[in-house]
Amino acid sequence: MVRLGELESAVMQVLWASTEPLRVRQVLERLDAPRTHAYTTVMTVLDNLHGKGMADRTRDGRAFLYRAAKSRPQYGAEMLREVLSSSGDPENVLLHFAQSATDEESAFLRSALRKAGRARPADTGRTAT
């Protein structure tokens, strides 16, 4: 799994929010950061994200246009999978999560499992046949 640093994460937020590929300057202008970053810093971060498989780029004249290679949900799923696989006890990790989940989180989880075709009927606790 690709772990992102603070600035990499901020740049990915910009890429995920955009409906079109962006030049380095456009990413720099859209960064919601308390401090100003140098153009070359953002260019390096985008190059690193491309190398990590997080950003796609296409040449546009002398510059590159960047866009997210993975969606935010795809990246989030990879992060969750990494947490589970590195926990040593994924079943208990999921159990503790389920026990501590808010009603809203529980509803999200049930909905996601239903959409994935893996949910059990809530009233019987048995798998559907």
Protein backbone atom coordinates (compact mmCIF):
# COMPACT_ATOMS: atom_id res chain seq x y z
CA MET A 1 0.00 0.00 0.00
CA VAL A 2 1.13 3.51 -0.74
CA ARG A 3 1.45 5.70 2.33
CA LEU A 4 1.10 9.40 1.67
CA GLY A 5 2.87 12.23 3.43
CA GLU A 6 1.04 15.38 4.48
CA LEU A 7 1.72 17.35 1.28
CA GLU A 8 1.16 14.29 -0.91
CA SER A 9 -2.23 13.83 0.74
CA ALA A 10 -3.11 17.51 0.19
CA VAL A 11 -2.12 17.25 -3.48
CA MET A 12 -4.22 14.10 -3.87
CA GLN A 13 -7.20 15.95 -2.37
CA VAL A 14 -6.79 18.55 -5.14
CA LEU A 15 -6.55 15.86 -7.83
CA TRP A 16 -9.58 13.99 -6.47
CA ALA A 17 -11.63 17.20 -6.39
CA SER A 18 -10.85 18.05 -10.01
CA THR A 19 -12.93 16.82 -12.92
CA GLU A 20 -10.10 17.50 -15.36
CA PRO A 21 -6.34 16.92 -15.50
CA LEU A 22 -4.31 19.72 -13.90
CA ARG A 23 -0.96 21.37 -14.53
CA VAL A 24 1.45 21.83 -11.63
CA ARG A 25 0.55 25.54 -11.41
CA GLN A 26 -3.16 24.70 -11.12
CA VAL A 27 -2.49 22.21 -8.32
CA LEU A 28 -0.33 24.80 -6.54
CA GLU A 29 -3.10 27.42 -6.79
CA ARG A 30 -5.73 25.00 -5.44
CA LEU A 31 -3.76 23.75 -2.46
CA ASP A 32 -5.54 24.72 0.72
CA ALA A 33 -2.43 25.05 2.82
CA PRO A 34 -1.55 27.48 5.60
CA ARG A 35 1.79 28.17 3.95
CA THR A 36 2.84 28.74 0.39
CA HIS A 37 4.70 25.94 -1.36
CA ALA A 38 7.24 26.44 -4.10
CA TYR A 39 6.26 25.44 -7.63
CA THR A 40 9.20 23.00 -7.73
CA THR A 41 8.07 21.38 -4.47
CA VAL A 42 4.60 20.67 -5.87
CA MET A 43 6.17 19.47 -9.13
CA THR A 44 8.36 17.03 -7.18
CA VAL A 45 5.39 15.81 -5.13
CA LEU A 46 3.38 15.19 -8.32
CA ASP A 47 6.33 13.34 -9.84
CA ASN A 48 6.58 11.20 -6.69
CA LEU A 49 2.84 10.49 -6.75
CA HIS A 50 3.18 9.43 -10.38
CA GLY A 51 6.05 7.11 -9.39
CA LYS A 52 3.91 5.61 -6.61
CA GLY A 53 1.07 4.94 -9.04
CA MET A 54 -1.23 7.47 -7.40
CA ALA A 55 -1.24 10.02 -10.25
CA ASP A 56 -1.38 9.61 -14.00
CA ARG A 57 0.24 12.19 -16.22
CA THR A 58 0.16 13.07 -19.88
CA ARG A 59 2.45 15.44 -21.70
CA ASP A 60 0.93 18.74 -22.80
CA GLY A 61 3.62 20.61 -24.69
CA ARG A 62 6.52 21.11 -22.29
CA ALA A 63 4.38 20.45 -19.21
CA PHE A 64 2.50 17.51 -17.75
CA LEU A 65 -1.17 17.26 -16.93
CA TYR A 66 -1.91 15.22 -13.79
CA ARG A 67 -5.00 13.38 -12.57
CA ALA A 68 -5.64 10.83 -9.83
CA ALA A 69 -4.83 7.28 -10.93
CA LYS A 70 -6.99 5.82 -8.14
CA SER A 71 -10.24 7.12 -6.77
CA ARG A 72 -10.48 8.22 -3.16
CA PRO A 73 -12.63 5.13 -2.32
CA GLN A 74 -10.10 2.80 -4.01
CA TYR A 75 -7.27 4.30 -1.98
CA GLY A 76 -9.33 4.13 1.23
CA ALA A 77 -10.11 0.46 0.59
CA GLU A 78 -6.39 -0.25 0.14
CA MET A 79 -5.67 1.47 3.46
CA LEU A 80 -8.34 -0.59 5.24
CA ARG A 81 -7.06 -3.80 3.70
CA GLU A 82 -3.52 -2.95 4.87
CA VAL A 83 -4.72 -2.30 8.43
CA LEU A 84 -6.55 -5.62 8.50
CA SER A 85 -3.70 -7.64 7.02
CA SER A 86 -1.09 -6.09 9.30
CA SER A 87 -3.18 -6.46 12.46
CA GLY A 88 -2.42 -10.13 12.97
CA ASP A 89 -6.07 -10.73 13.85
CA PRO A 90 -8.35 -9.21 11.21
CA GLU A 91 -11.48 -10.94 12.53
CA ASN A 92 -11.13 -9.34 15.97
CA VAL A 93 -10.22 -5.98 14.46
CA LEU A 94 -13.47 -6.07 12.47
CA LEU A 95 -15.38 -7.26 15.53
CA HIS A 96 -14.07 -4.38 17.65
CA PHE A 97 -14.87 -1.94 14.87
CA ALA A 98 -18.41 -3.31 14.55
CA GLN A 99 -18.94 -3.12 18.32
CA SER A 100 -17.78 0.48 18.49
CA ALA A 101 -19.40 1.68 15.25
CA THR A 102 -21.95 4.44 15.40
CA ASP A 103 -25.43 3.78 14.04
CA GLU A 104 -24.48 5.72 10.93
CA GLU A 105 -21.27 3.69 10.42
CA SER A 106 -23.23 0.46 10.93
CA ALA A 107 -25.74 1.56 8.29
CA PHE A 108 -22.90 2.43 5.89
CA LEU A 109 -21.33 -0.99 6.43
CA ARG A 110 -24.61 -2.87 5.92
CA SER A 111 -25.31 -0.86 2.78
CA ALA A 112 -21.82 -1.48 1.38
CA LEU A 113 -22.05 -5.23 2.05
CA ARG A 114 -25.48 -5.35 0.40
CA LYS A 115 -24.16 -3.51 -2.66
CA ALA A 116 -21.20 -5.89 -2.82
CA GLY A 117 -23.62 -8.84 -2.67
CA ARG A 118 -22.12 -10.21 0.53
CA ALA A 119 -24.61 -9.22 3.20
CA ARG A 120 -26.63 -11.63 5.27
CA PRO A 121 -30.27 -10.84 5.90
CA ALA A 122 -30.35 -8.77 9.10
CA ASP A 123 -33.35 -10.56 10.59
CA THR A 124 -32.15 -14.19 10.28
CA GLY A 125 -28.38 -14.07 10.60
CA ARG A 126 -28.18 -16.79 7.94
CA THR A 127 -26.85 -16.46 4.43
CA ALA A 128 -29.38 -16.13 1.66
CA THR A 129 -29.86 -19.16 -0.58
